[in-house]
Amino acid sequence: MGRPGIAVIGIVIALAGALFTLQGAGLITGSAMSNTTFWTVAGPVIVVLGVAVAVFGARRRPG
C-alpha cells in the first residue's frame, strides 16, 4: 500500500473519530455509545490521530 492509501486510511479514521464524538455527545442517537463521556473524550483523540496519519500519507517524499 502506497502513501495515498495511508492518507485514505487516515481520513477514514478521522471520520470515525468524528462519528464517535457526535455519538458520545448525544447528537447521534440509537447506539450504546450515545451520551457516553468516554466517546466524547476518545473521539477527538481518534480524530487527531487520523489526521496525523492522513498528513503523513499525503506528504511528498523529498527528491
PDB file of N, CA and C in Angstrom:
ATOM      1  N   MET A   1       0.849  -1.172   0.000  1.00  0.00           N
ATOM      2  CA  MET A   1       0.000   0.000   0.000  1.00  0.00           C
ATOM      3  C   MET A   1       0.892   1.231   0.000  1.00  0.00           C
ATOM      4  N   GLY A   2       0.614   2.140  -0.905  1.00  0.00           N
ATOM      5  CA  GLY A   2       1.413   3.350  -1.013  1.00  0.00           C
ATOM      6  C   GLY A   2       0.926   4.445  -0.085  1.00  0.00           C
ATOM      7  N   ARG A   3       1.586   5.566  -0.195  1.00  0.00           N
ATOM      8  CA  ARG A   3       1.230   6.702   0.652  1.00  0.00           C
ATOM      9  C   ARG A   3      -0.197   7.199   0.438  1.00  0.00           C
ATOM     10  N   PRO A   4      -0.715   7.210  -0.796  1.00  0.00           N
ATOM     11  CA  PRO A   4      -2.116   7.636  -0.945  1.00  0.00           C
ATOM     12  C   PRO A   4      -3.077   6.735  -0.168  1.00  0.00           C
ATOM     13  N   GLY A   5      -2.777   5.452  -0.134  1.00  0.00           N
ATOM     14  CA  GLY A   5      -3.611   4.530   0.632  1.00  0.00           C
ATOM     15  C   GLY A   5      -3.567   4.827   2.114  1.00  0.00           C
ATOM     16  N   ILE A   6      -2.393   5.187   2.608  1.00  0.00           N
ATOM     17  CA  ILE A   6      -2.251   5.545   4.018  1.00  0.00           C
ATOM     18  C   ILE A   6      -3.048   6.813   4.313  1.00  0.00           C
ATOM     19  N   ALA A   7      -3.019   7.770   3.391  1.00  0.00           N
ATOM     20  CA  ALA A   7      -3.785   9.005   3.575  1.00  0.00           C
ATOM     21  C   ALA A   7      -5.282   8.709   3.647  1.00  0.00           C
ATOM     22  N   VAL A   8      -5.758   7.815   2.798  1.00  0.00           N
ATOM     23  CA  VAL A   8      -7.180   7.460   2.803  1.00  0.00           C
ATOM     24  C   VAL A   8      -7.548   6.784   4.119  1.00  0.00           C
ATOM     25  N   ILE A   9      -6.704   5.902   4.603  1.00  0.00           N
ATOM     26  CA  ILE A   9      -6.955   5.244   5.888  1.00  0.00           C
ATOM     27  C   ILE A   9      -7.022   6.281   7.006  1.00  0.00           C
ATOM     28  N   GLY A  10      -6.126   7.262   6.974  1.00  0.00           N
ATOM     29  CA  GLY A  10      -6.145   8.326   7.977  1.00  0.00           C
ATOM     30  C   GLY A  10      -7.441   9.117   7.950  1.00  0.00           C
ATOM     31  N   ILE A  11      -7.932   9.400   6.754  1.00  0.00           N
ATOM     32  CA  ILE A  11      -9.196  10.136   6.626  1.00  0.00           C
ATOM     33  C   ILE A  11     -10.352   9.319   7.191  1.00  0.00           C
ATOM     34  N   VAL A  12     -10.365   8.029   6.906  1.00  0.00           N
ATOM     35  CA  VAL A  12     -11.425   7.156   7.426  1.00  0.00           C
ATOM     36  C   VAL A  12     -11.367   7.109   8.952  1.00  0.00           C
ATOM     37  N   ILE A  13     -10.167   7.025   9.517  1.00  0.00           N
ATOM     38  CA  ILE A  13     -10.011   7.023  10.973  1.00  0.00           C
ATOM     39  C   ILE A  13     -10.532   8.331  11.558  1.00  0.00           C
ATOM     40  N   ALA A  14     -10.187   9.459  10.927  1.00  0.00           N
ATOM     41  CA  ALA A  14     -10.642  10.764  11.417  1.00  0.00           C
ATOM     42  C   ALA A  14     -12.166  10.871  11.362  1.00  0.00           C
ATOM     43  N   LEU A  15     -12.769  10.387  10.282  1.00  0.00           N
ATOM     44  CA  LEU A  15     -14.230  10.422  10.174  1.00  0.00           C
ATOM     45  C   LEU A  15     -14.892   9.539  11.232  1.00  0.00           C
ATOM     46  N   ALA A  16     -14.300   8.387  11.502  1.00  0.00           N
ATOM     47  CA  ALA A  16     -14.834   7.516  12.552  1.00  0.00           C
ATOM     48  C   ALA A  16     -14.744   8.212  13.905  1.00  0.00           C
ATOM     49  N   GLY A  17     -13.631   8.884  14.161  1.00  0.00           N
ATOM     50  CA  GLY A  17     -13.485   9.626  15.411  1.00  0.00           C
ATOM     51  C   GLY A  17     -14.523  10.726  15.548  1.00  0.00           C
ATOM     52  N   ALA A  18     -14.817  11.407  14.435  1.00  0.00           N
ATOM     53  CA  ALA A  18     -15.855  12.442  14.466  1.00  0.00           C
ATOM     54  C   ALA A  18     -17.219  11.830  14.777  1.00  0.00           C
ATOM     55  N   LEU A  19     -17.503  10.681  14.178  1.00  0.00           N
ATOM     56  CA  LEU A  19     -18.757   9.983  14.461  1.00  0.00           C
ATOM     57  C   LEU A  19     -18.830   9.591  15.934  1.00  0.00           C
ATOM     58  N   PHE A  20     -17.744   9.059  16.476  1.00  0.00           N
ATOM     59  CA  PHE A  20     -17.716   8.666  17.887  1.00  0.00           C
ATOM     60  C   PHE A  20     -17.963   9.871  18.786  1.00  0.00           C
ATOM     61  N   THR A  21     -17.383  11.020  18.429  1.00  0.00           N
ATOM     62  CA  THR A  21     -17.571  12.236  19.217  1.00  0.00           C
ATOM     63  C   THR A  21     -19.036  12.653  19.220  1.00  0.00           C
ATOM     64  N   LEU A  22     -19.651  12.657  18.047  1.00  0.00           N
ATOM     65  CA  LEU A  22     -21.057  13.057  17.953  1.00  0.00           C
ATOM     66  C   LEU A  22     -21.970  12.087  18.697  1.00  0.00           C
ATOM     67  N   GLN A  23     -21.654  10.802  18.637  1.00  0.00           N
ATOM     68  CA  GLN A  23     -22.444   9.822  19.383  1.00  0.00           C
ATOM     69  C   GLN A  23     -22.253  10.012  20.883  1.00  0.00           C
ATOM     70  N   GLY A  24     -21.028  10.219  21.303  1.00  0.00           N
ATOM     71  CA  GLY A  24     -20.765  10.417  22.727  1.00  0.00           C
ATOM     72  C   GLY A  24     -21.446  11.653  23.274  1.00  0.00           C
ATOM     73  N   ALA A  25     -21.542  12.694  22.445  1.00  0.00           N
ATOM     74  CA  ALA A  25     -22.195  13.933  22.862  1.00  0.00           C
ATOM     75  C   ALA A  25     -23.718  13.831  22.805  1.00  0.00           C
ATOM     76  N   GLY A  26     -24.229  12.750  22.252  1.00  0.00           N
ATOM     77  CA  GLY A  26     -25.667  12.554  22.177  1.00  0.00           C
ATOM     78  C   GLY A  26     -26.323  13.209  20.978  1.00  0.00           C
ATOM     79  N   LEU A  27     -25.532  13.715  20.038  1.00  0.00           N
ATOM     80  CA  LEU A  27     -26.097  14.347  18.845  1.00  0.00           C
ATOM     81  C   LEU A  27     -26.559  13.316  17.821  1.00  0.00           C
ATOM     82  N   ILE A  28     -25.987  12.120  17.880  1.00  0.00           N
ATOM     83  CA  ILE A  28     -26.436  10.992  17.059  1.00  0.00           C
ATOM     84  C   ILE A  28     -26.854   9.905  18.041  1.00  0.00           C
ATOM     85  N   THR A  29     -28.116   9.542  18.003  1.00  0.00           N
ATOM     86  CA  THR A  29     -28.641   8.591  18.986  1.00  0.00           C
ATOM     87  C   THR A  29     -28.817   7.211  18.363  1.00  0.00           C
ATOM     88  N   GLY A  30     -29.266   6.279  19.183  1.00  0.00           N
ATOM     89  CA  GLY A  30     -29.557   4.938  18.697  1.00  0.00           C
ATOM     90  C   GLY A  30     -28.392   3.983  18.808  1.00  0.00           C
ATOM     91  N   SER A  31     -27.443   4.292  19.671  1.00  0.00           N
ATOM     92  CA  SER A  31     -26.263   3.446  19.824  1.00  0.00           C
ATOM     93  C   SER A  31     -25.935   3.324  21.307  1.00  0.00           C
ATOM     94  N   ALA A  32     -25.245   2.255  21.653  1.00  0.00           N
ATOM     95  CA  ALA A  32     -24.778   2.109  23.031  1.00  0.00           C
ATOM     96  C   ALA A  32     -23.736   3.174  23.373  1.00  0.00           C
ATOM     97  N   MET A  33     -23.182   3.812  22.344  1.00  0.00           N
ATOM     98  CA  MET A  33     -22.170   4.852  22.548  1.00  0.00           C
ATOM     99  C   MET A  33     -22.805   6.223  22.796  1.00  0.00           C
ATOM    100  N   SER A  34     -24.113   6.345  22.623  1.00  0.00           N
ATOM    101  CA  SER A  34     -24.784   7.633  22.768  1.00  0.00           C
ATOM    102  C   SER A  34     -24.748   8.108  24.216  1.00  0.00           C
ATOM    103  N   ASN A  35     -24.490   9.410  24.375  1.00  0.00           N
ATOM    104  CA  ASN A  35     -24.445  10.060  25.691  1.00  0.00           C
ATOM    105  C   ASN A  35     -23.446   9.396  26.633  1.00  0.00           C
ATOM    106  N   THR A  36     -22.283   9.047  26.125  1.00  0.00           N
ATOM    107  CA  THR A  36     -21.247   8.412  26.925  1.00  0.00           C
ATOM    108  C   THR A  36     -20.017   9.308  26.944  1.00  0.00           C
ATOM    109  N   THR A  37     -19.581   9.667  28.143  1.00  0.00           N
ATOM    110  CA  THR A  37     -18.441  10.573  28.287  1.00  0.00           C
ATOM    111  C   THR A  37     -17.184  10.010  27.646  1.00  0.00           C
ATOM    112  N   PHE A  38     -16.977   8.704  27.744  1.00  0.00           N
ATOM    113  CA  PHE A  38     -15.765   8.112  27.181  1.00  0.00           C
ATOM    114  C   PHE A  38     -15.622   8.455  25.706  1.00  0.00           C
ATOM    115  N   TRP A  39     -16.693   8.304  24.934  1.00  0.00           N
ATOM    116  CA  TRP A  39     -16.617   8.550  23.489  1.00  0.00           C
ATOM    117  C   TRP A  39     -16.552  10.033  23.171  1.00  0.00           C
ATOM    118  N   THR A  40     -17.073  10.868  24.075  1.00  0.00           N
ATOM    119  CA  THR A  40     -16.953  12.312  23.882  1.00  0.00           C
ATOM    120  C   THR A  40     -15.498  12.744  24.008  1.00  0.00           C
ATOM    121  N   VAL A  41     -14.727  12.042  24.823  1.00  0.00           N
ATOM    122  CA  VAL A  41     -13.301  12.355  25.011  1.00  0.00           C
ATOM    123  C   VAL A  41     -12.442  11.583  24.012  1.00  0.00           C
ATOM    124  N   ALA A  42     -12.727  10.313  23.808  1.00  0.00           N
ATOM    125  CA  ALA A  42     -11.903   9.481  22.925  1.00  0.00           C
ATOM    126  C   ALA A  42     -12.067   9.866  21.458  1.00  0.00           C
ATOM    127  N   GLY A  43     -13.238  10.326  21.067  1.00  0.00           N
ATOM    128  CA  GLY A  43     -13.487  10.687  19.675  1.00  0.00           C
ATOM    129  C   GLY A  43     -12.522  11.727  19.134  1.00  0.00           C
ATOM    130  N   PRO A  44     -12.350  12.870  19.815  1.00  0.00           N
ATOM    131  CA  PRO A  44     -11.396  13.865  19.314  1.00  0.00           C
ATOM    132  C   PRO A  44      -9.954  13.361  19.268  1.00  0.00           C
ATOM    133  N   VAL A  45      -9.594  12.505  20.202  1.00  0.00           N
ATOM    134  CA  VAL A  45      -8.244  11.922  20.178  1.00  0.00           C
ATOM    135  C   VAL A  45      -8.079  11.080  18.917  1.00  0.00           C
ATOM    136  N   ILE A  46      -9.093  10.308  18.585  1.00  0.00           N
ATOM    137  CA  ILE A  46      -9.058   9.483  17.375  1.00  0.00           C
ATOM    138  C   ILE A  46      -9.014  10.363  16.131  1.00  0.00           C
ATOM    139  N   VAL A  47      -9.738  11.485  16.152  1.00  0.00           N
ATOM    140  CA  VAL A  47      -9.703  12.419  15.015  1.00  0.00           C
ATOM    141  C   VAL A  47      -8.284  12.929  14.801  1.00  0.00           C
ATOM    142  N   VAL A  48      -7.628  13.346  15.879  1.00  0.00           N
ATOM    143  CA  VAL A  48      -6.259  13.873  15.773  1.00  0.00           C
ATOM    144  C   VAL A  48      -5.315  12.806  15.231  1.00  0.00           C
ATOM    145  N   LEU A  49      -5.442  11.583  15.724  1.00  0.00           N
ATOM    146  CA  LEU A  49      -4.593  10.501  15.227  1.00  0.00           C
ATOM    147  C   LEU A  49      -4.860  10.237  13.742  1.00  0.00           C
ATOM    148  N   GLY A  50      -6.118  10.254  13.346  1.00  0.00           N
ATOM    149  CA  GLY A  50      -6.457  10.043  11.942  1.00  0.00           C
ATOM    150  C   GLY A  50      -5.905  11.131  11.042  1.00  0.00           C
ATOM    151  N   VAL A  51      -5.990  12.380  11.496  1.00  0.00           N
ATOM    152  CA  VAL A  51      -5.442  13.491  10.711  1.00  0.00           C
ATOM    153  C   VAL A  51      -3.930  13.353  10.597  1.00  0.00           C
ATOM    154  N   ALA A  52      -3.273  12.944  11.686  1.00  0.00           N
ATOM    155  CA  ALA A  52      -1.819  12.762  11.646  1.00  0.00           C
ATOM    156  C   ALA A  52      -1.438  11.682  10.635  1.00  0.00           C
ATOM    157  N   VAL A  53      -2.170  10.589  10.616  1.00  0.00           N
ATOM    158  CA  VAL A  53      -1.901   9.518   9.651  1.00  0.00           C
ATOM    159  C   VAL A  53      -2.145  10.021   8.229  1.00  0.00           C
ATOM    160  N   ALA A  54      -3.222  10.789   8.030  1.00  0.00           N
ATOM    161  CA  ALA A  54      -3.527  11.318   6.697  1.00  0.00           C
ATOM    162  C   ALA A  54      -2.443  12.274   6.220  1.00  0.00           C
ATOM    163  N   VAL A  55      -1.962  13.135   7.105  1.00  0.00           N
ATOM    164  CA  VAL A  55      -0.903  14.082   6.730  1.00  0.00           C
ATOM    165  C   VAL A  55       0.374  13.324   6.396  1.00  0.00           C
ATOM    166  N   PHE A  56       0.700  12.317   7.197  1.00  0.00           N
ATOM    167  CA  PHE A  56       1.880  11.502   6.924  1.00  0.00           C
ATOM    168  C   PHE A  56       1.761  10.844   5.551  1.00  0.00           C
ATOM    169  N   GLY A  57       0.590  10.333   5.239  1.00  0.00           N
ATOM    170  CA  GLY A  57       0.386   9.668   3.958  1.00  0.00           C
ATOM    171  C   GLY A  57       0.367  10.621   2.778  1.00  0.00           C
ATOM    172  N   ALA A  58      -0.038  11.865   3.020  1.00  0.00           N
ATOM    173  CA  ALA A  58      -0.156  12.831   1.927  1.00  0.00           C
ATOM    174  C   ALA A  58       1.147  13.581   1.651  1.00  0.00           C
ATOM    175  N   ARG A  59       2.084  13.547   2.585  1.00  0.00           N
ATOM    176  CA  ARG A  59       3.338  14.279   2.389  1.00  0.00           C
ATOM    177  C   ARG A  59       4.139  13.680   1.251  1.00  0.00           C
ATOM    178  N   ARG A  60       4.770  14.561   0.509  1.00  0.00           N
ATOM    179  CA  ARG A  60       5.615  14.106  -0.600  1.00  0.00           C
ATOM    180  C   ARG A  60       6.982  13.720  -0.071  1.00  0.00           C
ATOM    181  N   ARG A  61       7.553  12.747  -0.710  1.00  0.00           N
ATOM    182  CA  ARG A  61       8.919  12.348  -0.370  1.00  0.00           C
ATOM    183  C   ARG A  61       9.893  13.321  -1.016  1.00  0.00           C
ATOM    184  N   PRO A  62      10.947  13.683  -0.319  1.00  0.00           N
ATOM    185  CA  PRO A  62      11.938  14.560  -0.947  1.00  0.00           C
ATOM    186  C   PRO A  62      12.644  13.845  -2.097  1.00  0.00           C
ATOM    187  N   GLY A  63      12.904  14.607  -3.137  1.00  0.00           N
ATOM    188  CA  GLY A  63      13.646  14.039  -4.259  1.00  0.00           C
ATOM    189  C   GLY A  63      12.759  13.736  -5.359  1.00  0.00           C
TER     190      GLY A  63
END
